[in-house]
Amino acid sequence: MNENTETRYCKKCGCELMSTNKKKLCADCFRKRNEKLQKIGLYCMSVITLISGYCIKGKNINRK
């Protein structure tokens, strides 16, 4: 096999990564990061929806 393989570790938690892993994070840290990004995205979309709904409602009231 290849003798020049170096042991790689997760950037966040320090656990050893598999030799086939091309990312710097282990699967667990990668999943946790994606969950946080999804929650932030969901929050931003809900705020944008509320603001746009308020603007549309305000325009309809003023047209009477």
N, C-alpha and C. Protein backbone atom coordinates (compact mmCIF):
# COMPACT_ATOMS: atom_id res chain seq x y z
N MET A 1 0.83 -1.17 0.00
CA MET A 1 0.00 0.00 0.00
C MET A 1 0.88 1.25 0.00
N ASN A 2 0.26 2.35 0.22
CA ASN A 2 0.97 3.62 0.20
C ASN A 2 1.53 3.91 1.59
N GLU A 3 2.85 4.02 1.69
CA GLU A 3 3.48 4.26 2.99
C GLU A 3 3.52 5.73 3.36
N ASN A 4 3.22 6.61 2.42
CA ASN A 4 3.28 8.05 2.67
C ASN A 4 1.96 8.62 3.16
N THR A 5 1.03 7.79 3.55
CA THR A 5 -0.24 8.31 4.05
C THR A 5 -0.05 8.91 5.43
N GLU A 6 -0.60 10.05 5.62
CA GLU A 6 -0.50 10.71 6.92
C GLU A 6 -1.84 10.62 7.64
N THR A 7 -1.79 10.56 8.93
CA THR A 7 -3.00 10.48 9.72
C THR A 7 -3.59 11.88 9.82
N ARG A 8 -4.87 11.98 9.46
CA ARG A 8 -5.56 13.27 9.51
C ARG A 8 -6.55 13.26 10.65
N TYR A 9 -6.75 14.42 11.25
CA TYR A 9 -7.66 14.57 12.39
C TYR A 9 -8.70 15.62 12.09
N CYS A 10 -9.84 15.48 12.74
CA CYS A 10 -10.93 16.43 12.59
C CYS A 10 -10.49 17.80 13.10
N LYS A 11 -10.85 18.82 12.36
CA LYS A 11 -10.47 20.19 12.71
C LYS A 11 -11.15 20.67 14.00
N LYS A 12 -12.35 20.15 14.26
CA LYS A 12 -13.13 20.64 15.39
C LYS A 12 -12.96 19.80 16.66
N CYS A 13 -13.13 18.48 16.54
CA CYS A 13 -13.12 17.65 17.75
C CYS A 13 -11.82 16.85 17.91
N GLY A 14 -11.04 16.73 16.87
CA GLY A 14 -9.75 16.06 16.99
C GLY A 14 -9.76 14.56 16.79
N CYS A 15 -10.89 13.98 16.42
CA CYS A 15 -10.90 12.53 16.20
C CYS A 15 -10.22 12.21 14.86
N GLU A 16 -9.76 11.00 14.75
CA GLU A 16 -9.03 10.58 13.56
C GLU A 16 -10.00 10.39 12.39
N LEU A 17 -9.62 10.88 11.23
CA LEU A 17 -10.45 10.77 10.04
C LEU A 17 -10.04 9.55 9.23
N MET A 18 -10.98 9.03 8.46
CA MET A 18 -10.67 7.92 7.57
C MET A 18 -9.77 8.43 6.44
N SER A 19 -9.00 7.57 5.86
CA SER A 19 -8.08 7.98 4.81
C SER A 19 -8.81 8.43 3.55
N THR A 20 -10.05 7.99 3.36
CA THR A 20 -10.81 8.37 2.17
C THR A 20 -11.54 9.69 2.34
N ASN A 21 -11.58 10.24 3.54
CA ASN A 21 -12.28 11.48 3.81
C ASN A 21 -11.49 12.66 3.25
N LYS A 22 -12.13 13.47 2.41
CA LYS A 22 -11.46 14.62 1.80
C LYS A 22 -11.76 15.92 2.55
N LYS A 23 -12.68 15.87 3.50
CA LYS A 23 -13.05 17.06 4.26
C LYS A 23 -12.19 17.15 5.52
N LYS A 24 -12.21 18.31 6.14
CA LYS A 24 -11.43 18.51 7.36
C LYS A 24 -12.23 18.21 8.61
N LEU A 25 -13.53 17.88 8.46
CA LEU A 25 -14.39 17.59 9.60
C LEU A 25 -14.85 16.14 9.55
N CYS A 26 -15.07 15.56 10.72
CA CYS A 26 -15.62 14.21 10.77
C CYS A 26 -17.12 14.28 10.44
N ALA A 27 -17.74 13.14 10.24
CA ALA A 27 -19.15 13.10 9.84
C ALA A 27 -20.05 13.71 10.91
N ASP A 28 -19.74 13.49 12.19
CA ASP A 28 -20.57 14.02 13.26
C ASP A 28 -20.51 15.56 13.31
N CYS A 29 -19.31 16.11 13.25
CA CYS A 29 -19.16 17.57 13.27
C CYS A 29 -19.77 18.20 12.03
N PHE A 30 -19.65 17.54 10.89
CA PHE A 30 -20.22 18.03 9.64
C PHE A 30 -21.74 18.09 9.74
N ARG A 31 -22.37 17.06 10.32
CA ARG A 31 -23.82 17.02 10.49
C ARG A 31 -24.29 18.10 11.46
N LYS A 32 -23.57 18.29 12.56
CA LYS A 32 -23.94 19.33 13.52
C LYS A 32 -23.87 20.72 12.90
N ARG A 33 -22.84 20.96 12.08
CA ARG A 33 -22.69 22.26 11.42
C ARG A 33 -23.84 22.49 10.46
N ASN A 34 -24.23 21.47 9.71
CA ASN A 34 -25.34 21.61 8.77
C ASN A 34 -26.66 21.85 9.48
N GLU A 35 -26.86 21.24 10.64
CA GLU A 35 -28.10 21.47 11.40
C GLU A 35 -28.18 22.94 11.84
N LYS A 36 -27.07 23.49 12.29
CA LYS A 36 -27.06 24.90 12.70
C LYS A 36 -27.36 25.81 11.52
N LEU A 37 -26.77 25.53 10.36
CA LEU A 37 -27.01 26.34 9.18
C LEU A 37 -28.46 26.26 8.73
N GLN A 38 -29.07 25.09 8.84
CA GLN A 38 -30.48 24.94 8.47
C GLN A 38 -31.38 25.74 9.40
N LYS A 39 -31.08 25.74 10.70
CA LYS A 39 -31.89 26.51 11.65
C LYS A 39 -31.76 28.00 11.38
N ILE A 40 -30.56 28.47 11.08
CA ILE A 40 -30.36 29.89 10.78
C ILE A 40 -31.11 30.27 9.51
N GLY A 41 -31.04 29.42 8.49
CA GLY A 41 -31.75 29.67 7.23
C GLY A 41 -33.25 29.71 7.43
N LEU A 42 -33.77 28.79 8.22
CA LEU A 42 -35.20 28.77 8.50
C LEU A 42 -35.64 30.04 9.22
N TYR A 43 -34.85 30.50 10.19
CA TYR A 43 -35.16 31.72 10.91
C TYR A 43 -35.17 32.92 9.96
N CYS A 44 -34.17 33.02 9.10
CA CYS A 44 -34.09 34.14 8.16
C CYS A 44 -35.28 34.13 7.20
N MET A 45 -35.65 32.96 6.71
CA MET A 45 -36.78 32.88 5.78
C MET A 45 -38.09 33.26 6.46
N SER A 46 -38.26 32.89 7.72
CA SER A 46 -39.49 33.25 8.42
C SER A 46 -39.56 34.75 8.65
N VAL A 47 -38.46 35.37 8.96
CA VAL A 47 -38.44 36.83 9.16
C VAL A 47 -38.75 37.53 7.84
N ILE A 48 -38.16 37.07 6.76
CA ILE A 48 -38.42 37.68 5.44
C ILE A 48 -39.88 37.51 5.05
N THR A 49 -40.46 36.36 5.34
CA THR A 49 -41.86 36.12 5.03
C THR A 49 -42.77 37.05 5.83
N LEU A 50 -42.48 37.22 7.11
CA LEU A 50 -43.29 38.12 7.93
C LEU A 50 -43.20 39.56 7.44
N ILE A 51 -42.00 40.01 7.10
CA ILE A 51 -41.82 41.39 6.64
C ILE A 51 -42.53 41.60 5.31
N SER A 52 -42.38 40.65 4.38
CA SER A 52 -43.04 40.81 3.08
C SER A 52 -44.55 40.75 3.23
N GLY A 53 -45.05 39.90 4.11
CA GLY A 53 -46.49 39.84 4.34
C GLY A 53 -47.02 41.14 4.93
N TYR A 54 -46.27 41.74 5.81
CA TYR A 54 -46.68 43.02 6.40
C TYR A 54 -46.69 44.12 5.35
N CYS A 55 -45.70 44.13 4.47
CA CYS A 55 -45.65 45.15 3.42
C CYS A 55 -46.80 44.99 2.44
N ILE A 56 -47.12 43.78 2.06
CA ILE A 56 -48.22 43.54 1.12
C ILE A 56 -49.55 43.91 1.77
N LYS A 57 -49.72 43.59 3.03
CA LYS A 57 -50.96 43.92 3.74
C LYS A 57 -51.10 45.44 3.84
N GLY A 58 -50.02 46.13 4.09
CA GLY A 58 -50.06 47.59 4.18
C GLY A 58 -50.42 48.24 2.87
N LYS A 59 -49.94 47.70 1.77
CA LYS A 59 -50.26 48.25 0.44
C LYS A 59 -51.73 48.04 0.12
N ASN A 60 -52.31 46.91 0.49
CA ASN A 60 -53.72 46.63 0.20
C ASN A 60 -54.65 47.52 1.02
N ILE A 61 -54.27 47.85 2.23
CA ILE A 61 -55.11 48.71 3.08
C ILE A 61 -55.12 50.14 2.52
N ASN A 62 -54.01 50.63 2.03
CA ASN A 62 -53.91 52.00 1.55
C ASN A 62 -54.60 52.22 0.21
N ARG A 63 -55.00 51.18 -0.50
CA ARG A 63 -55.61 51.34 -1.81
C ARG A 63 -57.11 51.61 -1.75
N LYS A 64 -57.73 51.61 -0.61
CA LYS A 64 -59.19 51.82 -0.51
C LYS A 64 -59.61 53.14 -1.02
